PDB file of N, CA and C in Angstrom:
ATOM      1  N   MET A   1     145.454 103.428 126.137  1.00  0.00           N
ATOM      2  CA  MET A   1     144.182 103.067 125.485  1.00  0.00           C
ATOM      3  C   MET A   1     144.467 102.930 123.990  1.00  0.00           C
ATOM      4  N   PHE A   2     143.652 102.164 123.354  1.00  0.00           N
ATOM      5  CA  PHE A   2     143.814 101.963 121.875  1.00  0.00           C
ATOM      6  C   PHE A   2     143.275 103.108 121.107  1.00  0.00           C
ATOM      7  N   GLU A   3     144.101 103.704 120.298  1.00  0.00           N
ATOM      8  CA  GLU A   3     143.706 104.897 119.513  1.00  0.00           C
ATOM      9  C   GLU A   3     143.492 104.434 118.052  1.00  0.00           C
ATOM     10  N   ARG A   4     142.302 104.781 117.504  1.00  0.00           N
ATOM     11  CA  ARG A   4     142.027 104.374 116.128  1.00  0.00           C
ATOM     12  C   ARG A   4     142.677 105.360 115.168  1.00  0.00           C
ATOM     13  N   SER A   5     143.137 104.789 114.044  1.00  0.00           N
ATOM     14  CA  SER A   5     143.803 105.634 113.042  1.00  0.00           C
ATOM     15  C   SER A   5     142.733 106.400 112.252  1.00  0.00           C
ATOM     16  N   ALA A   6     143.177 107.388 111.509  1.00  0.00           N
ATOM     17  CA  ALA A   6     142.230 108.183 110.671  1.00  0.00           C
ATOM     18  C   ALA A   6     141.578 107.274 109.620  1.00  0.00           C
ATOM     19  N   ARG A   7     142.352 106.324 109.125  1.00  0.00           N
ATOM     20  CA  ARG A   7     141.792 105.385 108.111  1.00  0.00           C
ATOM     21  C   ARG A   7     140.651 104.555 108.716  1.00  0.00           C
ATOM     22  N   GLU A   8     140.839 104.054 109.896  1.00  0.00           N
ATOM     23  CA  GLU A   8     139.795 103.238 110.593  1.00  0.00           C
ATOM     24  C   GLU A   8     138.569 104.103 110.825  1.00  0.00           C
ATOM     25  N   LYS A   9     138.781 105.371 111.194  1.00  0.00           N
ATOM     26  CA  LYS A   9     137.660 106.257 111.480  1.00  0.00           C
ATOM     27  C   LYS A   9     136.838 106.500 110.160  1.00  0.00           C
ATOM     28  N   ILE A  10     137.569 106.683 109.056  1.00  0.00           N
ATOM     29  CA  ILE A  10     136.895 106.936 107.755  1.00  0.00           C
ATOM     30  C   ILE A  10     136.084 105.696 107.374  1.00  0.00           C
ATOM     31  N   ILE A  11     136.692 104.500 107.534  1.00  0.00           N
ATOM     32  CA  ILE A  11     135.980 103.249 107.199  1.00  0.00           C
ATOM     33  C   ILE A  11     134.718 103.133 108.015  1.00  0.00           C
ATOM     34  N   THR A  12     134.842 103.265 109.334  1.00  0.00           N
ATOM     35  CA  THR A  12     133.701 103.108 110.225  1.00  0.00           C
ATOM     36  C   THR A  12     132.591 104.140 109.925  1.00  0.00           C
ATOM     37  N   LYS A  13     132.974 105.363 109.795  1.00  0.00           N
ATOM     38  CA  LYS A  13     131.969 106.402 109.551  1.00  0.00           C
ATOM     39  C   LYS A  13     131.269 106.243 108.203  1.00  0.00           C
ATOM     40  N   THR A  14     132.004 105.944 107.142  1.00  0.00           N
ATOM     41  CA  THR A  14     131.371 105.813 105.823  1.00  0.00           C
ATOM     42  C   THR A  14     130.443 104.626 105.790  1.00  0.00           C
ATOM     43  N   ILE A  15     130.874 103.475 106.255  1.00  0.00           N
ATOM     44  CA  ILE A  15     130.012 102.300 106.182  1.00  0.00           C
ATOM     45  C   ILE A  15     128.788 102.431 107.122  1.00  0.00           C
ATOM     46  N   THR A  16     128.980 103.046 108.293  1.00  0.00           N
ATOM     47  CA  THR A  16     127.865 103.239 109.171  1.00  0.00           C
ATOM     48  C   THR A  16     126.806 104.162 108.583  1.00  0.00           C
ATOM     49  N   TRP A  17     127.230 105.288 108.005  1.00  0.00           N
ATOM     50  CA  TRP A  17     126.256 106.218 107.410  1.00  0.00           C
ATOM     51  C   TRP A  17     125.610 105.666 106.171  1.00  0.00           C
ATOM     52  N   SER A  18     126.385 104.894 105.397  1.00  0.00           N
ATOM     53  CA  SER A  18     125.781 104.303 104.181  1.00  0.00           C
ATOM     54  C   SER A  18     124.733 103.286 104.574  1.00  0.00           C
ATOM     55  N   PHE A  19     124.987 102.460 105.591  1.00  0.00           N
ATOM     56  CA  PHE A  19     124.007 101.447 106.006  1.00  0.00           C
ATOM     57  C   PHE A  19     122.780 102.130 106.596  1.00  0.00           C
ATOM     58  N   LEU A  20     122.990 103.184 107.393  1.00  0.00           N
ATOM     59  CA  LEU A  20     121.892 103.919 107.955  1.00  0.00           C
ATOM     60  C   LEU A  20     121.005 104.513 106.892  1.00  0.00           C
ATOM     61  N   LEU A  21     121.591 105.051 105.823  1.00  0.00           N
ATOM     62  CA  LEU A  21     120.840 105.570 104.704  1.00  0.00           C
ATOM     63  C   LEU A  21     120.051 104.492 103.996  1.00  0.00           C
ATOM     64  N   ALA A  22     120.679 103.317 103.827  1.00  0.00           N
ATOM     65  CA  ALA A  22     119.997 102.197 103.191  1.00  0.00           C
ATOM     66  C   ALA A  22     118.781 101.744 104.048  1.00  0.00           C
ATOM     67  N   VAL A  23     118.925 101.701 105.331  1.00  0.00           N
ATOM     68  CA  VAL A  23     117.816 101.311 106.239  1.00  0.00           C
ATOM     69  C   VAL A  23     116.703 102.309 106.155  1.00  0.00           C
ATOM     70  N   ILE A  24     117.059 103.638 106.155  1.00  0.00           N
ATOM     71  CA  ILE A  24     116.043 104.675 106.093  1.00  0.00           C
ATOM     72  C   ILE A  24     115.241 104.594 104.779  1.00  0.00           C
ATOM     73  N   ILE A  25     115.910 104.405 103.679  1.00  0.00           N
ATOM     74  CA  ILE A  25     115.201 104.259 102.401  1.00  0.00           C
ATOM     75  C   ILE A  25     114.327 103.038 102.406  1.00  0.00           C
ATOM     76  N   PHE A  26     114.853 101.930 102.921  1.00  0.00           N
ATOM     77  CA  PHE A  26     114.047 100.698 102.986  1.00  0.00           C
ATOM     78  C   PHE A  26     112.778 100.906 103.828  1.00  0.00           C
ATOM     79  N   CYS A  27     112.938 101.521 105.001  1.00  0.00           N
ATOM     80  CA  CYS A  27     111.802 101.778 105.855  1.00  0.00           C
ATOM     81  C   CYS A  27     110.784 102.703 105.230  1.00  0.00           C
ATOM     82  N   ALA A  28     111.263 103.729 104.505  1.00  0.00           N
ATOM     83  CA  ALA A  28     110.359 104.647 103.811  1.00  0.00           C
ATOM     84  C   ALA A  28     109.539 103.903 102.731  1.00  0.00           C
ATOM     85  N   LEU A  29     110.179 103.001 102.013  1.00  0.00           N
ATOM     86  CA  LEU A  29     109.470 102.196 101.051  1.00  0.00           C
ATOM     87  C   LEU A  29     108.417 101.301 101.715  1.00  0.00           C
ATOM     88  N   LEU A  30     108.816 100.782 102.874  1.00  0.00           N
ATOM     89  CA  LEU A  30     107.891  99.917 103.646  1.00  0.00           C
ATOM     90  C   LEU A  30     106.676 100.711 104.142  1.00  0.00           C
ATOM     91  N   VAL A  31     106.918 101.908 104.610  1.00  0.00           N
ATOM     92  CA  VAL A  31     105.796 102.764 105.079  1.00  0.00           C
ATOM     93  C   VAL A  31     104.907 103.139 103.939  1.00  0.00           C
ATOM     94  N   ILE A  32     105.486 103.492 102.783  1.00  0.00           N
ATOM     95  CA  ILE A  32     104.672 103.826 101.570  1.00  0.00           C
ATOM     96  C   ILE A  32     103.856 102.628 101.210  1.00  0.00           C
ATOM     97  N   GLY A  33     104.420 101.396 101.240  1.00  0.00           N
ATOM     98  CA  GLY A  33     103.710 100.240 100.877  1.00  0.00           C
ATOM     99  C   GLY A  33     102.556  99.941 101.840  1.00  0.00           C
ATOM    100  N   ALA A  34     102.839 100.112 103.108  1.00  0.00           N
ATOM    101  CA  ALA A  34     101.787  99.876 104.110  1.00  0.00           C
ATOM    102  C   ALA A  34     100.669 100.872 103.951  1.00  0.00           C
ATOM    103  N   GLY A  35     100.984 102.116 103.580  1.00  0.00           N
ATOM    104  CA  GLY A  35      99.946 103.115 103.353  1.00  0.00           C
ATOM    105  C   GLY A  35      99.128 102.776 102.117  1.00  0.00           C
ATOM    106  N   ASN A  36      99.765 102.330 101.038  1.00  0.00           N
ATOM    107  CA  ASN A  36      99.069 101.911  99.847  1.00  0.00           C
ATOM    108  C   ASN A  36      98.150 100.730 100.110  1.00  0.00           C
ATOM    109  N   LEU A  37      98.672  99.786 100.901  1.00  0.00           N
ATOM    110  CA  LEU A  37      97.860  98.620 101.219  1.00  0.00           C
ATOM    111  C   LEU A  37      96.703  98.972 102.076  1.00  0.00           C
ATOM    112  N   ALA A  38      96.852  99.875 103.049  1.00  0.00           N
ATOM    113  CA  ALA A  38      95.738 100.246 103.923  1.00  0.00           C
ATOM    114  C   ALA A  38      94.664 101.030 103.164  1.00  0.00           C
ATOM    115  N   ASN A  39      95.063 101.812 102.168  1.00  0.00           N
ATOM    116  CA  ASN A  39      94.091 102.588 101.408  1.00  0.00           C
ATOM    117  C   ASN A  39      93.279 101.764 100.400  1.00  0.00           C
ATOM    118  N   ASN A  40      93.786 100.589 100.085  1.00  0.00           N
ATOM    119  CA  ASN A  40      93.123  99.711  99.171  1.00  0.00           C
ATOM    120  C   ASN A  40      92.390  98.574  99.876  1.00  0.00           C
ATOM    121  N   LEU A  41      91.564  98.943 100.856  1.00  0.00           N
ATOM    122  CA  LEU A  41      90.971  97.880 101.695  1.00  0.00           C
ATOM    123  C   LEU A  41      90.081  96.953 100.912  1.00  0.00           C
ATOM    124  N   ASP A  42      89.424  97.445  99.887  1.00  0.00           N
ATOM    125  CA  ASP A  42      88.468  96.597  99.118  1.00  0.00           C
ATOM    126  C   ASP A  42      89.155  95.825  98.021  1.00  0.00           C
ATOM    127  N   ARG A  43      90.211  96.347  97.493  1.00  0.00           N
ATOM    128  CA  ARG A  43      90.786  95.759  96.266  1.00  0.00           C
ATOM    129  C   ARG A  43      91.990  94.817  96.586  1.00  0.00           C
ATOM    130  N   SER A  44      93.153  95.346  96.447  1.00  0.00           N
ATOM    131  CA  SER A  44      94.357  94.529  96.482  1.00  0.00           C
ATOM    132  C   SER A  44      94.639  93.976  97.889  1.00  0.00           C
ATOM    133  N   LEU A  45      95.009  92.722  97.953  1.00  0.00           N
ATOM    134  CA  LEU A  45      95.379  92.137  99.219  1.00  0.00           C
ATOM    135  C   LEU A  45      96.890  91.942  99.344  1.00  0.00           C
ATOM    136  N   ILE A  46      97.603  92.251  98.269  1.00  0.00           N
ATOM    137  CA  ILE A  46      99.068  92.081  98.254  1.00  0.00           C
ATOM    138  C   ILE A  46      99.702  93.383  97.649  1.00  0.00           C
ATOM    139  N   TYR A  47     100.713  93.836  98.338  1.00  0.00           N
ATOM    140  CA  TYR A  47     101.516  94.970  97.807  1.00  0.00           C
ATOM    141  C   TYR A  47     102.972  94.528  97.744  1.00  0.00           C
ATOM    142  N   GLU A  48     103.580  94.649  96.589  1.00  0.00           N
ATOM    143  CA  GLU A  48     105.006  94.361  96.467  1.00  0.00           C
ATOM    144  C   GLU A  48     105.788  95.641  96.377  1.00  0.00           C
ATOM    145  N   GLY A  49     106.752  95.759  97.276  1.00  0.00           N
ATOM    146  CA  GLY A  49     107.616  96.970  97.290  1.00  0.00           C
ATOM    147  C   GLY A  49     108.757  96.772  96.312  1.00  0.00           C
ATOM    148  N   HIS A  50     108.838  97.727  95.368  1.00  0.00           N
ATOM    149  CA  HIS A  50     109.907  97.659  94.349  1.00  0.00           C
ATOM    150  C   HIS A  50     110.773  98.885  94.435  1.00  0.00           C
ATOM    151  N   LEU A  51     112.048  98.711  94.102  1.00  0.00           N
ATOM    152  CA  LEU A  51     112.943  99.805  93.897  1.00  0.00           C
ATOM    153  C   LEU A  51     113.491  99.601  92.474  1.00  0.00           C
ATOM    154  N   GLY A  52     112.929 100.321  91.540  1.00  0.00           N
ATOM    155  CA  GLY A  52     113.170 100.055  90.135  1.00  0.00           C
ATOM    156  C   GLY A  52     112.525  98.655  89.783  1.00  0.00           C
ATOM    157  N   SER A  53     113.284  97.750  89.264  1.00  0.00           N
ATOM    158  CA  SER A  53     112.738  96.435  88.969  1.00  0.00           C
ATOM    159  C   SER A  53     113.107  95.450  90.015  1.00  0.00           C
ATOM    160  N   LEU A  54     113.692  95.852  91.140  1.00  0.00           N
ATOM    161  CA  LEU A  54     114.117  94.957  92.214  1.00  0.00           C
ATOM    162  C   LEU A  54     113.018  94.847  93.239  1.00  0.00           C
ATOM    163  N   ALA A  55     112.426  93.689  93.385  1.00  0.00           N
ATOM    164  CA  ALA A  55     111.356  93.496  94.380  1.00  0.00           C
ATOM    165  C   ALA A  55     112.016  93.305  95.754  1.00  0.00           C
ATOM    166  N   LEU A  56     111.682  94.208  96.673  1.00  0.00           N
ATOM    167  CA  LEU A  56     112.319  94.166  98.000  1.00  0.00           C
ATOM    168  C   LEU A  56     111.515  93.382  99.048  1.00  0.00           C
ATOM    169  N   PHE A  57     110.198  93.575  98.998  1.00  0.00           N
ATOM    170  CA  PHE A  57     109.403  92.897 100.040  1.00  0.00           C
ATOM    171  C   PHE A  57     107.965  92.708  99.480  1.00  0.00           C
ATOM    172  N   LYS A  58     107.182  91.908 100.147  1.00  0.00           N
ATOM    173  CA  LYS A  58     105.782  91.726  99.810  1.00  0.00           C
ATOM    174  C   LYS A  58     104.982  91.876 101.101  1.00  0.00           C
ATOM    175  N   LEU A  59     104.025  92.804 101.086  1.00  0.00           N
ATOM    176  CA  LEU A  59     103.066  92.972 102.182  1.00  0.00           C
ATOM    177  C   LEU A  59     101.807  92.301 101.829  1.00  0.00           C
ATOM    178  N   GLU A  60     101.213  91.508 102.757  1.00  0.00           N
ATOM    179  CA  GLU A  60      99.989  90.817 102.464  1.00  0.00           C
ATOM    180  C   GLU A  60      99.003  91.028 103.629  1.00  0.00           C
ATOM    181  N   LYS A  61      97.794  91.355 103.265  1.00  0.00           N
ATOM    182  CA  LYS A  61      96.779  91.529 104.315  1.00  0.00           C
ATOM    183  C   LYS A  61      95.738  90.414 104.176  1.00  0.00           C
ATOM    184  N   MET A  62      95.260  89.934 105.330  1.00  0.00           N
ATOM    185  CA  MET A  62      94.312  88.856 105.346  1.00  0.00           C
ATOM    186  C   MET A  62      93.107  89.305 106.123  1.00  0.00           C
ATOM    187  N   PRO A  63      91.881  89.140 105.535  1.00  0.00           N
ATOM    188  CA  PRO A  63      90.692  89.506 106.302  1.00  0.00           C
ATOM    189  C   PRO A  63      90.501  88.606 107.515  1.00  0.00           C
ATOM    190  N   MET A  64      90.025  89.221 108.570  1.00  0.00           N
ATOM    191  CA  MET A  64      89.753  88.470 109.793  1.00  0.00           C
ATOM    192  C   MET A  64      88.222  88.368 109.976  1.00  0.00           C
ATOM    193  N   SER A  65      87.840  87.451 110.837  1.00  0.00           N
ATOM    194  CA  SER A  65      86.417  87.210 111.035  1.00  0.00           C
ATOM    195  C   SER A  65      85.621  88.403 111.638  1.00  0.00           C
ATOM    196  N   ASP A  66      86.343  89.256 112.313  1.00  0.00           N
ATOM    197  CA  ASP A  66      85.670  90.409 112.975  1.00  0.00           C
ATOM    198  C   ASP A  66      85.539  91.614 112.021  1.00  0.00           C
ATOM    199  N   GLY A  67      85.960  91.446 110.766  1.00  0.00           N
ATOM    200  CA  GLY A  67      85.838  92.507 109.794  1.00  0.00           C
ATOM    201  C   GLY A  67      87.157  93.309 109.604  1.00  0.00           C
ATOM    202  N   GLY A  68      88.110  93.047 110.450  1.00  0.00           N
ATOM    203  CA  GLY A  68      89.385  93.803 110.380  1.00  0.00           C
ATOM    204  C   GLY A  68      90.340  93.027 109.486  1.00  0.00           C
ATOM    205  N   PHE A  69      91.570  93.468 109.483  1.00  0.00           N
ATOM    206  CA  PHE A  69      92.577  92.837 108.676  1.00  0.00           C
ATOM    207  C   PHE A  69      93.832  92.557 109.531  1.00  0.00           C
ATOM    208  N   SER A  70      94.522  91.483 109.063  1.00  0.00           N
ATOM    209  CA  SER A  70      95.807  91.137 109.632  1.00  0.00           C
ATOM    210  C   SER A  70      96.818  91.254 108.528  1.00  0.00           C
ATOM    211  N   ALA A  71      98.033  91.746 108.873  1.00  0.00           N
ATOM    212  CA  ALA A  71      99.026  91.946 107.807  1.00  0.00           C
ATOM    213  C   ALA A  71     100.289  91.188 108.131  1.00  0.00           C
ATOM    214  N   SER A  72     101.004  90.799 107.059  1.00  0.00           N
ATOM    215  CA  SER A  72     102.302  90.157 107.229  1.00  0.00           C
ATOM    216  C   SER A  72     103.238  90.669 106.151  1.00  0.00           C
ATOM    217  N   ILE A  73     104.510  90.611 106.433  1.00  0.00           N
ATOM    218  CA  ILE A  73     105.572  91.059 105.504  1.00  0.00           C
ATOM    219  C   ILE A  73     106.490  89.851 105.147  1.00  0.00           C
ATOM    220  N   SER A  74     106.837  89.775 103.878  1.00  0.00           N
ATOM    221  CA  SER A  74     107.778  88.727 103.414  1.00  0.00           C
ATOM    222  C   SER A  74     108.925  89.471 102.754  1.00  0.00           C
ATOM    223  N   LEU A  75     110.136  89.196 103.227  1.00  0.00           N
ATOM    224  CA  LEU A  75     111.312  89.753 102.543  1.00  0.00           C
ATOM    225  C   LEU A  75     111.668  88.828 101.435  1.00  0.00           C
ATOM    226  N   THR A  76     112.108  89.416 100.322  1.00  0.00           N
ATOM    227  CA  THR A  76     112.488  88.655  99.121  1.00  0.00           C
ATOM    228  C   THR A  76     114.011  88.574  99.007  1.00  0.00           C
ATOM    229  N   SER A  77     114.470  87.858  98.016  1.00  0.00           N
ATOM    230  CA  SER A  77     115.884  87.857  97.733  1.00  0.00           C
ATOM    231  C   SER A  77     116.378  89.191  97.306  1.00  0.00           C
ATOM    232  N   GLY A  78     115.480  89.994  96.792  1.00  0.00           N
ATOM    233  CA  GLY A  78     115.870  91.358  96.388  1.00  0.00           C
ATOM    234  C   GLY A  78     116.294  92.218  97.567  1.00  0.00           C
ATOM    235  N   THR A  79     115.827  91.831  98.799  1.00  0.00           N
ATOM    236  CA  THR A  79     116.259  92.585 100.012  1.00  0.00           C
ATOM    237  C   THR A  79     117.718  92.362 100.211  1.00  0.00           C
ATOM    238  N   ALA A  80     118.204  91.163 100.070  1.00  0.00           N
ATOM    239  CA  ALA A  80     119.640  90.855 100.234  1.00  0.00           C
ATOM    240  C   ALA A  80     120.450  91.551  99.147  1.00  0.00           C
ATOM    241  N   VAL A  81     119.929  91.568  97.937  1.00  0.00           N
ATOM    242  CA  VAL A  81     120.641  92.250  96.849  1.00  0.00           C
ATOM    243  C   VAL A  81     120.711  93.723  97.142  1.00  0.00           C
ATOM    244  N   TYR A  82     119.642  94.319  97.591  1.00  0.00           N
ATOM    245  CA  TYR A  82     119.549  95.750  97.918  1.00  0.00           C
ATOM    246  C   TYR A  82     120.629  96.103  98.930  1.00  0.00           C
ATOM    247  N   PHE A  83     120.649  95.369 100.090  1.00  0.00           N
ATOM    248  CA  PHE A  83     121.660  95.717 101.096  1.00  0.00           C
ATOM    249  C   PHE A  83     123.076  95.342 100.688  1.00  0.00           C
ATOM    250  N   GLY A  84     123.199  94.338  99.850  1.00  0.00           N
ATOM    251  CA  GLY A  84     124.567  94.004  99.291  1.00  0.00           C
ATOM    252  C   GLY A  84     125.037  95.084  98.404  1.00  0.00           C
ATOM    253  N   LEU A  85     124.184  95.657  97.540  1.00  0.00           N
ATOM    254  CA  LEU A  85     124.591  96.746  96.665  1.00  0.00           C
ATOM    255  C   LEU A  85     124.971  97.997  97.521  1.00  0.00           C
ATOM    256  N   TRP A  86     124.220  98.276  98.620  1.00  0.00           N
ATOM    257  CA  TRP A  86     124.527  99.387  99.448  1.00  0.00           C
ATOM    258  C   TRP A  86     125.939  99.159 100.099  1.00  0.00           C
ATOM    259  N   LEU A  87     126.225  97.912 100.531  1.00  0.00           N
ATOM    260  CA  LEU A  87     127.519  97.613 101.116  1.00  0.00           C
ATOM    261  C   LEU A  87     128.646  97.807 100.062  1.00  0.00           C
ATOM    262  N   LEU A  88     128.400  97.421  98.823  1.00  0.00           N
ATOM    263  CA  LEU A  88     129.346  97.585  97.752  1.00  0.00           C
ATOM    264  C   LEU A  88     129.654  99.063  97.545  1.00  0.00           C
ATOM    265  N   VAL A  89     128.580  99.868  97.491  1.00  0.00           N
ATOM    266  CA  VAL A  89     128.722 101.333  97.304  1.00  0.00           C
ATOM    267  C   VAL A  89     129.529 101.891  98.448  1.00  0.00           C
ATOM    268  N   ALA A  90     129.223 101.461  99.690  1.00  0.00           N
ATOM    269  CA  ALA A  90     129.940 101.959 100.877  1.00  0.00           C
ATOM    270  C   ALA A  90     131.406 101.628 100.808  1.00  0.00           C
ATOM    271  N   LEU A  91     131.729 100.412 100.333  1.00  0.00           N
ATOM    272  CA  LEU A  91     133.119 100.057 100.222  1.00  0.00           C
ATOM    273  C   LEU A  91     133.865 100.878  99.181  1.00  0.00           C
ATOM    274  N   VAL A  92     133.204 101.122  98.062  1.00  0.00           N
ATOM    275  CA  VAL A  92     133.816 101.933  96.986  1.00  0.00           C
ATOM    276  C   VAL A  92     134.066 103.338  97.455  1.00  0.00           C
ATOM    277  N   VAL A  93     133.044 103.898  98.095  1.00  0.00           N
ATOM    278  CA  VAL A  93     133.199 105.291  98.600  1.00  0.00           C
ATOM    279  C   VAL A  93     134.300 105.341  99.669  1.00  0.00           C
ATOM    280  N   THR A  94     134.339 104.317 100.534  1.00  0.00           N
ATOM    281  CA  THR A  94     135.416 104.276 101.533  1.00  0.00           C
ATOM    282  C   THR A  94     136.778 104.220 100.887  1.00  0.00           C
ATOM    283  N   GLY A  95     136.886 103.424  99.848  1.00  0.00           N
ATOM    284  CA  GLY A  95     138.172 103.335  99.097  1.00  0.00           C
ATOM    285  C   GLY A  95     138.561 104.675  98.517  1.00  0.00           C
ATOM    286  N   TRP A  96     137.576 105.390  97.945  1.00  0.00           N
ATOM    287  CA  TRP A  96     137.885 106.692  97.354  1.00  0.00           C
ATOM    288  C   TRP A  96     138.358 107.651  98.452  1.00  0.00           C
ATOM    289  N   ARG A  97     137.654 107.672  99.606  1.00  0.00           N
ATOM    290  CA  ARG A  97     138.034 108.539 100.688  1.00  0.00           C
ATOM    291  C   ARG A  97     139.396 108.224 101.261  1.00  0.00           C
ATOM    292  N   ILE A  98     139.721 106.946 101.375  1.00  0.00           N
ATOM    293  CA  ILE A  98     141.035 106.592 101.897  1.00  0.00           C
ATOM    294  C   ILE A  98     142.134 106.935 100.891  1.00  0.00           C
ATOM    295  N   ARG A  99     141.861 106.737  99.623  1.00  0.00           N
ATOM    296  CA  ARG A  99     142.820 106.985  98.595  1.00  0.00           C
ATOM    297  C   ARG A  99     143.118 108.501  98.547  1.00  0.00           C
ATOM    298  N   GLY A 100     142.106 109.324  98.749  1.00  0.00           N
ATOM    299  CA  GLY A 100     142.244 110.774  98.728  1.00  0.00           C
ATOM    300  C   GLY A 100     142.897 111.343  99.957  1.00  0.00           C
ATOM    301  N   GLN A 101     143.020 110.528 101.019  1.00  0.00           N
ATOM    302  CA  GLN A 101     143.614 110.957 102.285  1.00  0.00           C
ATOM    303  C   GLN A 101     145.149 111.003 102.165  1.00  0.00           C
ATOM    304  N   LYS A 102     145.737 112.024 102.615  1.00  0.00           N
ATOM    305  CA  LYS A 102     147.204 112.124 102.543  1.00  0.00           C
ATOM    306  C   LYS A 102     147.769 111.427 103.767  1.00  0.00           C
ATOM    307  N   SER A 103     148.911 110.794 103.555  1.00  0.00           N
ATOM    308  CA  SER A 103     149.617 110.152 104.680  1.00  0.00           C
ATOM    309  C   SER A 103     150.300 111.206 105.546  1.00  0.00           C
ATOM    310  N   PRO A 104     150.596 110.919 106.778  1.00  0.00           N
ATOM    311  CA  PRO A 104     151.265 111.923 107.661  1.00  0.00           C
ATOM    312  C   PRO A 104     152.603 112.379 107.105  1.00  0.00           C
ATOM    313  N   ALA A 105     153.261 111.540 106.331  1.00  0.00           N
ATOM    314  CA  ALA A 105     154.584 111.951 105.721  1.00  0.00           C
ATOM    315  C   ALA A 105     154.418 112.992 104.645  1.00  0.00           C
ATOM    316  N   ASP A 106     153.254 113.003 104.002  1.00  0.00           N
ATOM    317  CA  ASP A 106     152.990 113.957 102.890  1.00  0.00           C
ATOM    318  C   ASP A 106     152.583 115.333 103.348  1.00  0.00           C
ATOM    319  N   ARG A 107     152.144 115.441 104.612  1.00  0.00           N
ATOM    320  CA  ARG A 107     151.645 116.678 105.125  1.00  0.00           C
ATOM    321  C   ARG A 107     152.725 117.655 105.451  1.00  0.00           C
TER     322      ARG A 107
END
Protein backbone atom coordinates (compact mmCIF):
# COMPACT_ATOMS: atom_id res chain seq x y z
CA MET A 1 0.00 0.00 0.00
CA PHE A 2 1.11 3.56 -0.62
CA GLU A 3 2.55 5.16 2.53
CA ARG A 4 2.51 8.95 2.76
CA SER A 5 5.65 10.69 3.92
CA ALA A 6 5.77 12.94 6.97
CA ARG A 7 6.11 15.93 4.65
CA GLU A 8 2.91 15.04 2.78
CA LYS A 9 1.07 14.57 6.07
CA ILE A 10 2.19 18.02 7.26
CA ILE A 11 1.07 19.63 4.00
CA THR A 12 -2.32 17.92 4.04
CA LYS A 13 -3.02 18.62 7.70
CA THR A 14 -1.95 22.28 7.63
CA ILE A 15 -3.86 23.21 4.49
CA THR A 16 -6.96 21.29 5.59
CA TRP A 17 -7.10 22.93 9.03
CA SER A 18 -6.37 26.37 7.60
CA PHE A 19 -9.17 26.06 5.04
CA LEU A 20 -11.54 24.74 7.71
CA LEU A 21 -10.75 27.76 9.91
CA ALA A 22 -11.33 30.10 6.96
CA VAL A 23 -14.74 28.53 6.27
CA ILE A 24 -15.73 28.72 9.96
CA ILE A 25 -14.84 32.43 10.15
CA PHE A 26 -16.69 33.13 6.87
CA CYS A 27 -19.81 31.28 8.10
CA ALA A 28 -19.68 33.15 11.43
CA LEU A 29 -19.61 36.46 9.56
CA LEU A 30 -22.51 35.26 7.43
CA VAL A 31 -24.57 34.30 10.50
CA ILE A 32 -23.81 37.65 12.14
CA GLY A 33 -24.88 39.42 8.95
CA ALA A 34 -28.10 37.42 8.71
CA GLY A 35 -28.87 38.26 12.34
CA ASN A 36 -28.25 41.96 11.76
CA LEU A 37 -30.42 41.89 8.66
CA ALA A 38 -33.25 40.07 10.45
CA ASN A 39 -33.19 42.53 13.36
CA ASN A 40 -33.51 45.52 11.00
CA LEU A 41 -36.83 44.52 9.48
CA ASP A 42 -38.05 48.08 9.04
CA ARG A 43 -34.85 49.79 8.00
CA SER A 44 -31.99 48.34 6.00
CA LEU A 45 -32.72 45.95 3.14
CA ILE A 46 -29.03 45.26 2.41
CA TYR A 47 -26.24 44.09 4.69
CA GLU A 48 -22.66 43.92 3.45
CA GLY A 49 -20.33 41.58 5.30
CA HIS A 50 -16.89 43.09 5.76
CA LEU A 51 -13.68 41.79 7.23
CA GLY A 52 -11.76 44.99 7.79
CA SER A 53 -12.13 46.89 4.53
CA LEU A 54 -12.63 43.73 2.46
CA ALA A 55 -16.27 43.25 1.39
CA LEU A 56 -16.96 39.50 1.48
CA PHE A 57 -20.65 39.20 0.68
CA LYS A 58 -23.90 41.10 0.37
CA LEU A 59 -27.16 39.92 1.93
CA GLU A 60 -30.32 41.41 0.51
CA LYS A 61 -33.88 40.96 1.70
CA MET A 62 -36.92 41.64 -0.41
CA PRO A 63 -40.43 42.19 0.95
CA MET A 64 -43.01 39.67 -0.24
CA SER A 65 -46.71 40.24 -0.85
CA ASP A 66 -47.72 38.24 2.23
CA GLY A 67 -45.79 40.56 4.55
CA GLY A 68 -42.76 38.29 4.93
CA PHE A 69 -39.31 38.63 3.48
CA SER A 70 -37.20 36.72 1.00
CA ALA A 71 -33.41 36.85 1.26
CA SER A 72 -30.55 36.36 -1.16
CA ILE A 73 -26.77 36.35 -0.84
CA SER A 74 -24.25 37.65 -3.35
CA LEU A 75 -20.59 36.76 -3.06
CA THR A 76 -18.18 39.51 -4.04
CA SER A 77 -14.68 39.46 -5.46
CA GLY A 78 -13.57 39.98 -1.87
CA THR A 79 -14.65 36.39 -1.17
CA ALA A 80 -12.06 35.09 -3.62
CA VAL A 81 -9.43 37.41 -2.15
CA TYR A 82 -10.30 36.22 1.38
CA PHE A 83 -9.93 32.52 0.55
CA GLY A 84 -6.84 33.25 -1.58
CA LEU A 85 -5.18 34.99 1.36
CA TRP A 86 -6.04 32.05 3.62
CA LEU A 87 -4.47 29.69 1.07
CA LEU A 88 -1.34 31.86 0.98
CA VAL A 89 -1.13 31.80 4.78
CA ALA A 90 -1.58 28.02 4.76
CA LEU A 91 1.23 27.60 2.25
CA VAL A 92 3.58 29.84 4.24
CA VAL A 93 2.82 28.01 7.49
CA THR A 94 3.28 24.68 5.69
CA GLY A 95 6.67 25.85 4.43
CA TRP A 96 7.72 26.85 7.95
CA ARG A 97 6.62 23.50 9.35
CA ILE A 98 8.41 21.53 6.64
CA ARG A 99 11.56 23.63 6.99
CA GLY A 100 11.58 23.02 10.75
CA GLN A 101 11.20 19.27 10.27
CA LYS A 102 14.40 17.28 10.56
CA SER A 103 15.25 14.76 7.87
CA PRO A 104 15.63 11.10 8.89
CA ALA A 105 19.41 11.39 8.38
CA ASP A 106 19.63 14.19 10.98
CA ARG A 107 17.84 12.24 13.72
